[in-house]
PDB file of N, CA and C in Angstrom:
ATOM      1  N   MET A   1      24.069  10.950  41.313  1.00  0.00           N
ATOM      2  CA  MET A   1      24.680  11.429  40.084  1.00  0.00           C
ATOM      3  C   MET A   1      24.585  10.388  38.974  1.00  0.00           C
ATOM      4  N   HIS A   2      24.826   9.140  39.331  1.00  0.00           N
ATOM      5  CA  HIS A   2      24.753   8.070  38.350  1.00  0.00           C
ATOM      6  C   HIS A   2      23.338   7.956  37.777  1.00  0.00           C
ATOM      7  N   ARG A   3      22.329   8.122  38.631  1.00  0.00           N
ATOM      8  CA  ARG A   3      20.941   8.043  38.190  1.00  0.00           C
ATOM      9  C   ARG A   3      20.615   9.184  37.204  1.00  0.00           C
ATOM     10  N   ALA A   4      21.103  10.391  37.478  1.00  0.00           N
ATOM     11  CA  ALA A   4      20.866  11.533  36.593  1.00  0.00           C
ATOM     12  C   ALA A   4      21.486  11.295  35.227  1.00  0.00           C
ATOM     13  N   ARG A   5      22.695  10.736  35.209  1.00  0.00           N
ATOM     14  CA  ARG A   5      23.357  10.451  33.939  1.00  0.00           C
ATOM     15  C   ARG A   5      22.585   9.387  33.160  1.00  0.00           C
ATOM     16  N   THR A   6      22.048   8.398  33.872  1.00  0.00           N
ATOM     17  CA  THR A   6      21.278   7.345  33.224  1.00  0.00           C
ATOM     18  C   THR A   6      20.017   7.920  32.584  1.00  0.00           C
ATOM     19  N   TRP A   7      19.313   8.812  33.295  1.00  0.00           N
ATOM     20  CA  TRP A   7      18.114   9.432  32.738  1.00  0.00           C
ATOM     21  C   TRP A   7      18.445  10.297  31.545  1.00  0.00           C
ATOM     22  N   SER A   8      19.547  11.036  31.600  1.00  0.00           N
ATOM     23  CA  SER A   8      19.952  11.869  30.468  1.00  0.00           C
ATOM     24  C   SER A   8      20.248  11.017  29.254  1.00  0.00           C
ATOM     25  N   ALA A   9      20.937   9.909  29.470  1.00  0.00           N
ATOM     26  CA  ALA A   9      21.254   9.006  28.367  1.00  0.00           C
ATOM     27  C   ALA A   9      19.979   8.402  27.796  1.00  0.00           C
ATOM     28  N   LEU A  10      19.055   8.014  28.678  1.00  0.00           N
ATOM     29  CA  LEU A  10      17.791   7.452  28.226  1.00  0.00           C
ATOM     30  C   LEU A  10      17.001   8.470  27.409  1.00  0.00           C
ATOM     31  N   ASN A  11      16.946   9.705  27.877  1.00  0.00           N
ATOM     32  CA  ASN A  11      16.254  10.758  27.120  1.00  0.00           C
ATOM     33  C   ASN A  11      16.887  10.969  25.756  1.00  0.00           C
ATOM     34  N   ALA A  12      18.207  10.931  25.683  1.00  0.00           N
ATOM     35  CA  ALA A  12      18.905  11.099  24.408  1.00  0.00           C
ATOM     36  C   ALA A  12      18.553   9.975  23.450  1.00  0.00           C
ATOM     37  N   VAL A  13      18.493   8.749  23.962  1.00  0.00           N
ATOM     38  CA  VAL A  13      18.144   7.606  23.122  1.00  0.00           C
ATOM     39  C   VAL A  13      16.704   7.725  22.636  1.00  0.00           C
ATOM     40  N   VAL A  14      15.797   8.102  23.531  1.00  0.00           N
ATOM     41  CA  VAL A  14      14.387   8.255  23.157  1.00  0.00           C
ATOM     42  C   VAL A  14      14.251   9.284  22.041  1.00  0.00           C
ATOM     43  N   LEU A  15      14.926  10.400  22.173  1.00  0.00           N
ATOM     44  CA  LEU A  15      14.868  11.425  21.131  1.00  0.00           C
ATOM     45  C   LEU A  15      15.509  10.946  19.842  1.00  0.00           C
ATOM     46  N   ALA A  16      16.611  10.235  19.952  1.00  0.00           N
ATOM     47  CA  ALA A  16      17.333   9.788  18.761  1.00  0.00           C
ATOM     48  C   ALA A  16      16.540   8.770  17.952  1.00  0.00           C
ATOM     49  N   ILE A  17      15.803   7.882  18.624  1.00  0.00           N
ATOM     50  CA  ILE A  17      15.069   6.873  17.866  1.00  0.00           C
ATOM     51  C   ILE A  17      13.684   7.342  17.442  1.00  0.00           C
ATOM     52  N   GLY A  18      13.305   8.538  17.883  1.00  0.00           N
ATOM     53  CA  GLY A  18      12.063   9.127  17.395  1.00  0.00           C
ATOM     54  C   GLY A  18      10.824   8.744  18.160  1.00  0.00           C
ATOM     55  N   VAL A  19      10.968   8.300  19.387  1.00  0.00           N
ATOM     56  CA  VAL A  19       9.786   7.957  20.164  1.00  0.00           C
ATOM     57  C   VAL A  19       8.925   9.189  20.396  1.00  0.00           C
ATOM     58  N   VAL A  20       9.541  10.350  20.501  1.00  0.00           N
ATOM     59  CA  VAL A  20       8.798  11.576  20.735  1.00  0.00           C
ATOM     60  C   VAL A  20       8.222  12.119  19.426  1.00  0.00           C
ATOM     61  N   SER A  21       8.873  11.901  18.318  1.00  0.00           N
ATOM     62  CA  SER A  21       8.445  12.500  17.056  1.00  0.00           C
ATOM     63  C   SER A  21       7.076  12.055  16.552  1.00  0.00           C
ATOM     64  N   PRO A  22       6.608  10.810  16.809  1.00  0.00           N
ATOM     65  CA  PRO A  22       5.263  10.499  16.342  1.00  0.00           C
ATOM     66  C   PRO A  22       4.197  11.425  16.921  1.00  0.00           C
ATOM     67  N   VAL A  23       4.417  11.958  18.103  1.00  0.00           N
ATOM     68  CA  VAL A  23       3.459  12.898  18.672  1.00  0.00           C
ATOM     69  C   VAL A  23       3.386  14.138  17.797  1.00  0.00           C
ATOM     70  N   ALA A  24       4.518  14.625  17.367  1.00  0.00           N
ATOM     71  CA  ALA A  24       4.535  15.797  16.495  1.00  0.00           C
ATOM     72  C   ALA A  24       3.801  15.494  15.194  1.00  0.00           C
ATOM     73  N   ARG A  25       4.050  14.314  14.626  1.00  0.00           N
ATOM     74  CA  ARG A  25       3.368  13.960  13.388  1.00  0.00           C
ATOM     75  C   ARG A  25       1.863  13.826  13.616  1.00  0.00           C
ATOM     76  N   ALA A  26       1.470  13.271  14.737  1.00  0.00           N
ATOM     77  CA  ALA A  26       0.044  13.154  15.037  1.00  0.00           C
ATOM     78  C   ALA A  26      -0.590  14.531  15.147  1.00  0.00           C
ATOM     79  N   ASP A  27       0.112  15.486  15.745  1.00  0.00           N
ATOM     80  CA  ASP A  27      -0.414  16.848  15.838  1.00  0.00           C
ATOM     81  C   ASP A  27      -0.596  17.468  14.461  1.00  0.00           C
ATOM     82  N   GLU A  28       0.331  17.189  13.565  1.00  0.00           N
ATOM     83  CA  GLU A  28       0.208  17.735  12.219  1.00  0.00           C
ATOM     84  C   GLU A  28      -0.994  17.130  11.494  1.00  0.00           C
ATOM     85  N   ILE A  29      -1.230  15.848  11.698  1.00  0.00           N
ATOM     86  CA  ILE A  29      -2.352  15.185  11.049  1.00  0.00           C
ATOM     87  C   ILE A  29      -3.660  15.620  11.683  1.00  0.00           C
ATOM     88  N   ASN A  30      -3.656  15.779  12.991  1.00  0.00           N
ATOM     89  CA  ASN A  30      -4.857  16.134  13.736  1.00  0.00           C
ATOM     90  C   ASN A  30      -5.012  17.652  13.750  1.00  0.00           C
ATOM     91  N   ASP A  31      -5.279  18.228  12.595  1.00  0.00           N
ATOM     92  CA  ASP A  31      -5.348  19.683  12.499  1.00  0.00           C
ATOM     93  C   ASP A  31      -6.771  20.218  12.615  1.00  0.00           C
ATOM     94  N   TYR A  32      -7.739  19.377  12.928  1.00  0.00           N
ATOM     95  CA  TYR A  32      -9.119  19.828  13.111  1.00  0.00           C
ATOM     96  C   TYR A  32      -9.285  20.347  14.538  1.00  0.00           C
ATOM     97  N   PRO A  33      -9.700  21.595  14.702  1.00  0.00           N
ATOM     98  CA  PRO A  33      -9.919  22.114  16.057  1.00  0.00           C
ATOM     99  C   PRO A  33     -11.049  21.347  16.752  1.00  0.00           C
ATOM    100  N   THR A  34     -10.984  21.311  18.059  1.00  0.00           N
ATOM    101  CA  THR A  34     -12.003  20.621  18.845  1.00  0.00           C
ATOM    102  C   THR A  34     -13.391  21.156  18.529  1.00  0.00           C
ATOM    103  N   ARG A  35     -13.519  22.455  18.391  1.00  0.00           N
ATOM    104  CA  ARG A  35     -14.828  23.045  18.094  1.00  0.00           C
ATOM    105  C   ARG A  35     -15.395  22.516  16.771  1.00  0.00           C
ATOM    106  N   ALA A  36     -14.554  22.392  15.757  1.00  0.00           N
ATOM    107  CA  ALA A  36     -15.017  21.886  14.464  1.00  0.00           C
ATOM    108  C   ALA A  36     -15.477  20.439  14.592  1.00  0.00           C
ATOM    109  N   ARG A  37     -14.729  19.646  15.338  1.00  0.00           N
ATOM    110  CA  ARG A  37     -15.121  18.253  15.556  1.00  0.00           C
ATOM    111  C   ARG A  37     -16.450  18.189  16.318  1.00  0.00           C
ATOM    112  N   ALA A  38     -16.565  19.019  17.357  1.00  0.00           N
ATOM    113  CA  ALA A  38     -17.796  19.032  18.156  1.00  0.00           C
ATOM    114  C   ALA A  38     -18.988  19.475  17.315  1.00  0.00           C
ATOM    115  N   ASP A  39     -18.817  20.501  16.485  1.00  0.00           N
ATOM    116  CA  ASP A  39     -19.898  20.960  15.600  1.00  0.00           C
ATOM    117  C   ASP A  39     -20.345  19.842  14.666  1.00  0.00           C
ATOM    118  N   TYR A  40     -19.374  19.127  14.101  1.00  0.00           N
ATOM    119  CA  TYR A  40     -19.700  18.030  13.194  1.00  0.00           C
ATOM    120  C   TYR A  40     -20.491  16.950  13.933  1.00  0.00           C
ATOM    121  N   VAL A  41     -19.987  16.553  15.102  1.00  0.00           N
ATOM    122  CA  VAL A  41     -20.651  15.492  15.865  1.00  0.00           C
ATOM    123  C   VAL A  41     -22.060  15.919  16.268  1.00  0.00           C
ATOM    124  N   PHE A  42     -22.216  17.162  16.692  1.00  0.00           N
ATOM    125  CA  PHE A  42     -23.532  17.669  17.078  1.00  0.00           C
ATOM    126  C   PHE A  42     -24.509  17.583  15.910  1.00  0.00           C
ATOM    127  N   GLY A  43     -24.112  18.081  14.752  1.00  0.00           N
ATOM    128  CA  GLY A  43     -24.968  18.031  13.563  1.00  0.00           C
ATOM    129  C   GLY A  43     -25.258  16.608  13.125  1.00  0.00           C
ATOM    130  N   CYS A  44     -24.257  15.774  13.176  1.00  0.00           N
ATOM    131  CA  CYS A  44     -24.411  14.370  12.799  1.00  0.00           C
ATOM    132  C   CYS A  44     -25.399  13.672  13.725  1.00  0.00           C
ATOM    133  N   MET A  45     -25.294  13.956  15.020  1.00  0.00           N
ATOM    134  CA  MET A  45     -26.214  13.338  15.976  1.00  0.00           C
ATOM    135  C   MET A  45     -27.644  13.839  15.784  1.00  0.00           C
ATOM    136  N   LYS A  46     -27.803  15.096  15.414  1.00  0.00           N
ATOM    137  CA  LYS A  46     -29.145  15.616  15.124  1.00  0.00           C
ATOM    138  C   LYS A  46     -29.770  14.854  13.959  1.00  0.00           C
ATOM    139  N   ALA A  47     -28.948  14.497  12.991  1.00  0.00           N
ATOM    140  CA  ALA A  47     -29.450  13.797  11.805  1.00  0.00           C
ATOM    141  C   ALA A  47     -29.612  12.295  12.031  1.00  0.00           C
ATOM    142  N   ASN A  48     -28.871  11.731  12.986  1.00  0.00           N
ATOM    143  CA  ASN A  48     -28.845  10.279  13.152  1.00  0.00           C
ATOM    144  C   ASN A  48     -29.375   9.782  14.490  1.00  0.00           C
ATOM    145  N   GLY A  49     -29.951  10.668  15.267  1.00  0.00           N
ATOM    146  CA  GLY A  49     -30.473  10.259  16.570  1.00  0.00           C
ATOM    147  C   GLY A  49     -29.499  10.618  17.673  1.00  0.00           C
ATOM    148  N   GLU A  50     -30.045  11.019  18.760  1.00  0.00           N
ATOM    149  CA  GLU A  50     -29.209  11.474  19.871  1.00  0.00           C
ATOM    150  C   GLU A  50     -29.052  10.346  20.883  1.00  0.00           C
ATOM    151  N   SER A  51     -28.226   9.390  20.515  1.00  0.00           N
ATOM    152  CA  SER A  51     -27.991   8.224  21.369  1.00  0.00           C
ATOM    153  C   SER A  51     -26.487   8.024  21.547  1.00  0.00           C
ATOM    154  N   GLN A  52     -26.148   7.162  22.467  1.00  0.00           N
ATOM    155  CA  GLN A  52     -24.736   6.831  22.678  1.00  0.00           C
ATOM    156  C   GLN A  52     -24.132   6.232  21.408  1.00  0.00           C
ATOM    157  N   ARG A  53     -24.903   5.395  20.746  1.00  0.00           N
ATOM    158  CA  ARG A  53     -24.412   4.773  19.510  1.00  0.00           C
ATOM    159  C   ARG A  53     -24.126   5.822  18.436  1.00  0.00           C
ATOM    160  N   SER A  54     -25.045   6.778  18.267  1.00  0.00           N
ATOM    161  CA  SER A  54     -24.807   7.812  17.254  1.00  0.00           C
ATOM    162  C   SER A  54     -23.635   8.703  17.647  1.00  0.00           C
ATOM    163  N   LEU A  55     -23.430   8.937  18.936  1.00  0.00           N
ATOM    164  CA  LEU A  55     -22.259   9.692  19.380  1.00  0.00           C
ATOM    165  C   LEU A  55     -20.981   8.978  18.950  1.00  0.00           C
ATOM    166  N   GLU A  56     -20.927   7.681  19.159  1.00  0.00           N
ATOM    167  CA  GLU A  56     -19.755   6.909  18.760  1.00  0.00           C
ATOM    168  C   GLU A  56     -19.572   6.898  17.250  1.00  0.00           C
ATOM    169  N   GLN A  57     -20.661   6.716  16.524  1.00  0.00           N
ATOM    170  CA  GLN A  57     -20.583   6.677  15.067  1.00  0.00           C
ATOM    171  C   GLN A  57     -20.178   8.036  14.494  1.00  0.00           C
ATOM    172  N   CYS A  58     -20.760   9.092  15.019  1.00  0.00           N
ATOM    173  CA  CYS A  58     -20.454  10.437  14.512  1.00  0.00           C
ATOM    174  C   CYS A  58     -19.029  10.853  14.869  1.00  0.00           C
ATOM    175  N   SER A  59     -18.573  10.485  16.044  1.00  0.00           N
ATOM    176  CA  SER A  59     -17.185  10.766  16.431  1.00  0.00           C
ATOM    177  C   SER A  59     -16.223  10.013  15.528  1.00  0.00           C
ATOM    178  N   CYS A  60     -16.548   8.765  15.253  1.00  0.00           N
ATOM    179  CA  CYS A  60     -15.742   7.966  14.327  1.00  0.00           C
ATOM    180  C   CYS A  60     -15.723   8.630  12.950  1.00  0.00           C
ATOM    181  N   SER A  61     -16.875   9.095  12.521  1.00  0.00           N
ATOM    182  CA  SER A  61     -17.006   9.691  11.197  1.00  0.00           C
ATOM    183  C   SER A  61     -16.088  10.900  11.012  1.00  0.00           C
ATOM    184  N   ILE A  62     -16.084  11.822  11.968  1.00  0.00           N
ATOM    185  CA  ILE A  62     -15.224  13.001  11.814  1.00  0.00           C
ATOM    186  C   ILE A  62     -13.754  12.607  11.918  1.00  0.00           C
ATOM    187  N   ASP A  63     -13.448  11.593  12.691  1.00  0.00           N
ATOM    188  CA  ASP A  63     -12.065  11.118  12.761  1.00  0.00           C
ATOM    189  C   ASP A  63     -11.603  10.572  11.410  1.00  0.00           C
ATOM    190  N   VAL A  64     -12.475   9.836  10.741  1.00  0.00           N
ATOM    191  CA  VAL A  64     -12.133   9.299   9.422  1.00  0.00           C
ATOM    192  C   VAL A  64     -11.967  10.443   8.421  1.00  0.00           C
ATOM    193  N   ILE A  65     -12.899  11.364   8.425  1.00  0.00           N
ATOM    194  CA  ILE A  65     -12.804  12.510   7.511  1.00  0.00           C
ATOM    195  C   ILE A  65     -11.503  13.276   7.749  1.00  0.00           C
ATOM    196  N   ALA A  66     -11.185  13.506   9.022  1.00  0.00           N
ATOM    197  CA  ALA A  66      -9.956  14.241   9.360  1.00  0.00           C
ATOM    198  C   ALA A  66      -8.707  13.491   8.927  1.00  0.00           C
ATOM    199  N   SER A  67      -8.789  12.176   8.867  1.00  0.00           N
ATOM    200  CA  SER A  67      -7.622  11.400   8.435  1.00  0.00           C
ATOM    201  C   SER A  67      -7.449  11.431   6.919  1.00  0.00           C
ATOM    202  N   LEU A  68      -8.500  11.824   6.208  1.00  0.00           N
ATOM    203  CA  LEU A  68      -8.461  11.783   4.741  1.00  0.00           C
ATOM    204  C   LEU A  68      -8.261  13.141   4.080  1.00  0.00           C
ATOM    205  N   ILE A  69      -8.787  14.207   4.697  1.00  0.00           N
ATOM    206  CA  ILE A  69      -8.599  15.537   4.114  1.00  0.00           C
ATOM    207  C   ILE A  69      -8.184  16.513   5.213  1.00  0.00           C
ATOM    208  N   SER A  70      -7.377  17.473   4.821  1.00  0.00           N
ATOM    209  CA  SER A  70      -6.911  18.472   5.787  1.00  0.00           C
ATOM    210  C   SER A  70      -8.068  19.353   6.238  1.00  0.00           C
ATOM    211  N   TYR A  71      -7.879  19.987   7.370  1.00  0.00           N
ATOM    212  CA  TYR A  71      -8.915  20.878   7.882  1.00  0.00           C
ATOM    213  C   TYR A  71      -9.160  22.033   6.914  1.00  0.00           C
ATOM    214  N   ASP A  72      -8.106  22.565   6.313  1.00  0.00           N
ATOM    215  CA  ASP A  72      -8.275  23.664   5.360  1.00  0.00           C
ATOM    216  C   ASP A  72      -9.160  23.248   4.179  1.00  0.00           C
ATOM    217  N   ARG A  73      -8.952  22.050   3.655  1.00  0.00           N
ATOM    218  CA  ARG A  73      -9.783  21.563   2.541  1.00  0.00           C
ATOM    219  C   ARG A  73     -11.214  21.302   3.010  1.00  0.00           C
ATOM    220  N   TYR A  74     -11.363  20.814   4.223  1.00  0.00           N
ATOM    221  CA  TYR A  74     -12.698  20.595   4.797  1.00  0.00           C
ATOM    222  C   TYR A  74     -13.464  21.907   4.884  1.00  0.00           C
ATOM    223  N   VAL A  75     -12.822  22.940   5.427  1.00  0.00           N
ATOM    224  CA  VAL A  75     -13.463  24.251   5.549  1.00  0.00           C
ATOM    225  C   VAL A  75     -13.802  24.809   4.169  1.00  0.00           C
ATOM    226  N   ALA A  76     -12.890  24.677   3.230  1.00  0.00           N
ATOM    227  CA  ALA A  76     -13.140  25.182   1.880  1.00  0.00           C
ATOM    228  C   ALA A  76     -14.329  24.458   1.241  1.00  0.00           C
ATOM    229  N   ALA A  77     -14.387  23.140   1.387  1.00  0.00           N
ATOM    230  CA  ALA A  77     -15.499  22.376   0.809  1.00  0.00           C
ATOM    231  C   ALA A  77     -16.823  22.746   1.473  1.00  0.00           C
ATOM    232  N   GLU A  78     -16.822  22.892   2.785  1.00  0.00           N
ATOM    233  CA  GLU A  78     -18.041  23.304   3.495  1.00  0.00           C
ATOM    234  C   GLU A  78     -18.484  24.699   3.037  1.00  0.00           C
ATOM    235  N   THR A  79     -17.533  25.577   2.820  1.00  0.00           N
ATOM    236  CA  THR A  79     -17.846  26.930   2.339  1.00  0.00           C
ATOM    237  C   THR A  79     -18.465  26.868   0.947  1.00  0.00           C
ATOM    238  N   VAL A  80     -17.880  26.062   0.078  1.00  0.00           N
ATOM    239  CA  VAL A  80     -18.421  25.906  -1.275  1.00  0.00           C
ATOM    240  C   VAL A  80     -19.857  25.392  -1.202  1.00  0.00           C
ATOM    241  N   LEU A  81     -20.103  24.382  -0.367  1.00  0.00           N
ATOM    242  CA  LEU A  81     -21.457  23.828  -0.250  1.00  0.00           C
ATOM    243  C   LEU A  81     -22.453  24.869   0.232  1.00  0.00           C
ATOM    244  N   ARG A  82     -22.056  25.687   1.187  1.00  0.00           N
ATOM    245  CA  ARG A  82     -22.955  26.738   1.687  1.00  0.00           C
ATOM    246  C   ARG A  82     -23.189  27.817   0.631  1.00  0.00           C
ATOM    247  N   MET A  83     -22.109  28.248  -0.013  1.00  0.00           N
ATOM    248  CA  MET A  83     -22.219  29.319  -0.998  1.00  0.00           C
ATOM    249  C   MET A  83     -22.958  28.862  -2.252  1.00  0.00           C
ATOM    250  N   ALA A  84     -22.874  27.593  -2.586  1.00  0.00           N
ATOM    251  CA  ALA A  84     -23.571  27.078  -3.767  1.00  0.00           C
ATOM    252  C   ALA A  84     -25.090  27.157  -3.600  1.00  0.00           C
ATOM    253  N   GLN A  85     -25.554  27.280  -2.382  1.00  0.00           N
ATOM    254  CA  GLN A  85     -26.996  27.393  -2.127  1.00  0.00           C
ATOM    255  C   GLN A  85     -27.528  28.808  -2.370  1.00  0.00           C
ATOM    256  N   VAL A  86     -26.615  29.777  -2.494  1.00  0.00           N
ATOM    257  CA  VAL A  86     -27.017  31.162  -2.739  1.00  0.00           C
ATOM    258  C   VAL A  86     -27.538  31.269  -4.166  1.00  0.00           C
ATOM    259  N   GLN A  87     -28.656  31.937  -4.330  1.00  0.00           N
ATOM    260  CA  GLN A  87     -29.262  32.119  -5.651  1.00  0.00           C
ATOM    261  C   GLN A  87     -28.445  33.116  -6.482  1.00  0.00           C
ATOM    262  N   GLY A  88     -28.533  33.001  -7.779  1.00  0.00           N
ATOM    263  CA  GLY A  88     -27.932  33.972  -8.683  1.00  0.00           C
ATOM    264  C   GLY A  88     -26.498  33.670  -9.055  1.00  0.00           C
ATOM    265  N   ASN A  89     -25.821  34.730  -9.567  1.00  0.00           N
ATOM    266  CA  ASN A  89     -24.449  34.586 -10.063  1.00  0.00           C
ATOM    267  C   ASN A  89     -23.462  34.139  -8.995  1.00  0.00           C
ATOM    268  N   LEU A  90     -23.586  34.699  -7.807  1.00  0.00           N
ATOM    269  CA  LEU A  90     -22.637  34.354  -6.754  1.00  0.00           C
ATOM    270  C   LEU A  90     -22.685  32.861  -6.455  1.00  0.00           C
ATOM    271  N   GLY A  91     -23.863  32.325  -6.249  1.00  0.00           N
ATOM    272  CA  GLY A  91     -24.002  30.895  -6.006  1.00  0.00           C
ATOM    273  C   GLY A  91     -23.574  30.071  -7.202  1.00  0.00           C
ATOM    274  N   GLY A  92     -23.860  30.561  -8.388  1.00  0.00           N
ATOM    275  CA  GLY A  92     -23.480  29.865  -9.611  1.00  0.00           C
ATOM    276  C   GLY A  92     -21.983  29.694  -9.748  1.00  0.00           C
ATOM    277  N   GLN A  93     -21.229  30.685  -9.301  1.00  0.00           N
ATOM    278  CA  GLN A  93     -19.771  30.583  -9.358  1.00  0.00           C
ATOM    279  C   GLN A  93     -19.272  29.433  -8.485  1.00  0.00           C
ATOM    280  N   PHE A  94     -19.947  29.186  -7.392  1.00  0.00           N
ATOM    281  CA  PHE A  94     -19.539  28.099  -6.508  1.00  0.00           C
ATOM    282  C   PHE A  94     -20.049  26.746  -6.986  1.00  0.00           C
ATOM    283  N   ARG A  95     -21.052  26.765  -7.826  1.00  0.00           N
ATOM    284  CA  ARG A  95     -21.581  25.511  -8.354  1.00  0.00           C
ATOM    285  C   ARG A  95     -20.871  25.076  -9.623  1.00  0.00           C
ATOM    286  N   SER A  96     -20.249  26.007 -10.329  1.00  0.00           N
ATOM    287  CA  SER A  96     -19.781  25.675 -11.677  1.00  0.00           C
ATOM    288  C   SER A  96     -18.273  25.566 -11.850  1.00  0.00           C
ATOM    289  N   THR A  97     -17.473  25.974 -10.888  1.00  0.00           N
ATOM    290  CA  THR A  97     -16.022  25.927 -11.112  1.00  0.00           C
ATOM    291  C   THR A  97     -15.457  24.539 -10.825  1.00  0.00           C
ATOM    292  N   GLU A  98     -14.436  24.193 -11.558  1.00  0.00           N
ATOM    293  CA  GLU A  98     -13.768  22.895 -11.382  1.00  0.00           C
ATOM    294  C   GLU A  98     -13.155  22.785  -9.990  1.00  0.00           C
ATOM    295  N   GLN A  99     -12.557  23.865  -9.515  1.00  0.00           N
ATOM    296  CA  GLN A  99     -11.940  23.857  -8.194  1.00  0.00           C
ATOM    297  C   GLN A  99     -12.988  23.572  -7.109  1.00  0.00           C
ATOM    298  N   ALA A 100     -14.141  24.194  -7.221  1.00  0.00           N
ATOM    299  CA  ALA A 100     -15.216  23.975  -6.252  1.00  0.00           C
ATOM    300  C   ALA A 100     -15.702  22.528  -6.311  1.00  0.00           C
ATOM    301  N   ARG A 101     -15.869  22.002  -7.507  1.00  0.00           N
ATOM    302  CA  ARG A 101     -16.315  20.614  -7.654  1.00  0.00           C
ATOM    303  C   ARG A 101     -15.300  19.648  -7.068  1.00  0.00           C
ATOM    304  N   THR A 102     -14.028  19.919  -7.272  1.00  0.00           N
ATOM    305  CA  THR A 102     -12.975  19.054  -6.735  1.00  0.00           C
ATOM    306  C   THR A 102     -12.998  19.042  -5.203  1.00  0.00           C
ATOM    307  N   LEU A 103     -13.145  20.211  -4.607  1.00  0.00           N
ATOM    308  CA  LEU A 103     -13.216  20.292  -3.147  1.00  0.00           C
ATOM    309  C   LEU A 103     -14.399  19.491  -2.605  1.00  0.00           C
ATOM    310  N   VAL A 104     -15.563  19.687  -3.218  1.00  0.00           N
ATOM    311  CA  VAL A 104     -16.764  18.987  -2.768  1.00  0.00           C
ATOM    312  C   VAL A 104     -16.632  17.487  -3.008  1.00  0.00           C
ATOM    313  N   ASP A 105     -16.078  17.103  -4.150  1.00  0.00           N
ATOM    314  CA  ASP A 105     -15.884  15.671  -4.431  1.00  0.00           C
ATOM    315  C   ASP A 105     -14.971  15.030  -3.397  1.00  0.00           C
ATOM    316  N   ASP A 106     -13.903  15.719  -3.025  1.00  0.00           N
ATOM    317  CA  ASP A 106     -12.990  15.189  -1.996  1.00  0.00           C
ATOM    318  C   ASP A 106     -13.715  15.000  -0.668  1.00  0.00           C
ATOM    319  N   LEU A 107     -14.522  15.979  -0.301  1.00  0.00           N
ATOM    320  CA  LEU A 107     -15.284  15.870   0.942  1.00  0.00           C
ATOM    321  C   LEU A 107     -16.287  14.733   0.855  1.00  0.00           C
ATOM    322  N   ARG A 108     -16.982  14.622  -0.245  1.00  0.00           N
ATOM    323  CA  ARG A 108     -17.976  13.553  -0.408  1.00  0.00           C
ATOM    324  C   ARG A 108     -17.327  12.165  -0.329  1.00  0.00           C
ATOM    325  N   ARG A 109     -16.145  12.017  -0.934  1.00  0.00           N
ATOM    326  CA  ARG A 109     -15.439  10.735  -0.855  1.00  0.00           C
ATOM    327  C   ARG A 109     -15.059  10.416   0.590  1.00  0.00           C
ATOM    328  N   ALA A 110     -14.583  11.425   1.312  1.00  0.00           N
ATOM    329  CA  ALA A 110     -14.221  11.232   2.717  1.00  0.00           C
ATOM    330  C   ALA A 110     -15.450  10.870   3.540  1.00  0.00           C
ATOM    331  N   GLN A 111     -16.573  11.527   3.269  1.00  0.00           N
ATOM    332  CA  GLN A 111     -17.813  11.223   3.983  1.00  0.00           C
ATOM    333  C   GLN A 111     -18.295   9.804   3.670  1.00  0.00           C
ATOM    334  N   ALA A 112     -18.161   9.398   2.427  1.00  0.00           N
ATOM    335  CA  ALA A 112     -18.575   8.046   2.048  1.00  0.00           C
ATOM    336  C   ALA A 112     -17.707   7.002   2.756  1.00  0.00           C
ATOM    337  N   GLU A 113     -16.426   7.250   2.818  1.00  0.00           N
ATOM    338  CA  GLU A 113     -15.520   6.346   3.525  1.00  0.00           C
ATOM    339  C   GLU A 113     -15.872   6.289   5.006  1.00  0.00           C
ATOM    340  N   ALA A 114     -16.189   7.437   5.588  1.00  0.00           N
ATOM    341  CA  ALA A 114     -16.584   7.481   6.992  1.00  0.00           C
ATOM    342  C   ALA A 114     -17.886   6.711   7.206  1.00  0.00           C
ATOM    343  N   GLU A 115     -18.790   6.810   6.278  1.00  0.00           N
ATOM    344  CA  GLU A 115     -20.061   6.074   6.372  1.00  0.00           C
ATOM    345  C   GLU A 115     -19.807   4.566   6.390  1.00  0.00           C
ATOM    346  N   VAL A 116     -18.930   4.124   5.509  1.00  0.00           N
ATOM    347  CA  VAL A 116     -18.614   2.682   5.424  1.00  0.00           C
ATOM    348  C   VAL A 116     -17.941   2.215   6.715  1.00  0.00           C
ATOM    349  N   ARG A 117     -17.005   2.972   7.200  1.00  0.00           N
ATOM    350  CA  ARG A 117     -16.239   2.544   8.381  1.00  0.00           C
ATOM    351  C   ARG A 117     -17.003   2.664   9.695  1.00  0.00           C
ATOM    352  N   CYS A 118     -17.913   3.630   9.791  1.00  0.00           N
ATOM    353  CA  CYS A 118     -18.470   3.982  11.108  1.00  0.00           C
ATOM    354  C   CYS A 118     -19.945   3.635  11.309  1.00  0.00           C
ATOM    355  N   PHE A 119     -20.697   3.497  10.224  1.00  0.00           N
ATOM    356  CA  PHE A 119     -22.143   3.315  10.413  1.00  0.00           C
ATOM    357  C   PHE A 119     -22.611   1.927  10.013  1.00  0.00           C
TER     358      PHE A 119
END
């Protein structure tokens, strides 16, 4: 009985000082799905060589990007980049709006930071 009370008290202290809460915060920051990370690493490795070193560098790169921009902004910027390649008015709308430029600029800055840190 004494041991059970000690564990309960220890759990209460752990919760009170927030030892468990950093995990929740890490989950909020780590909002990139595994598939998105894997897709990025796969494409990055295709462009940079399929070696252990490029695997490490590309994994580092997506981690840096994920630490700088949310997954929603990443998806939006990737969508803008793809849609901007479409010919005509539709593509032009994605190339010319301030919102689209801001999204792409944010992604480019994150990619540049990842390049500096990882490659």
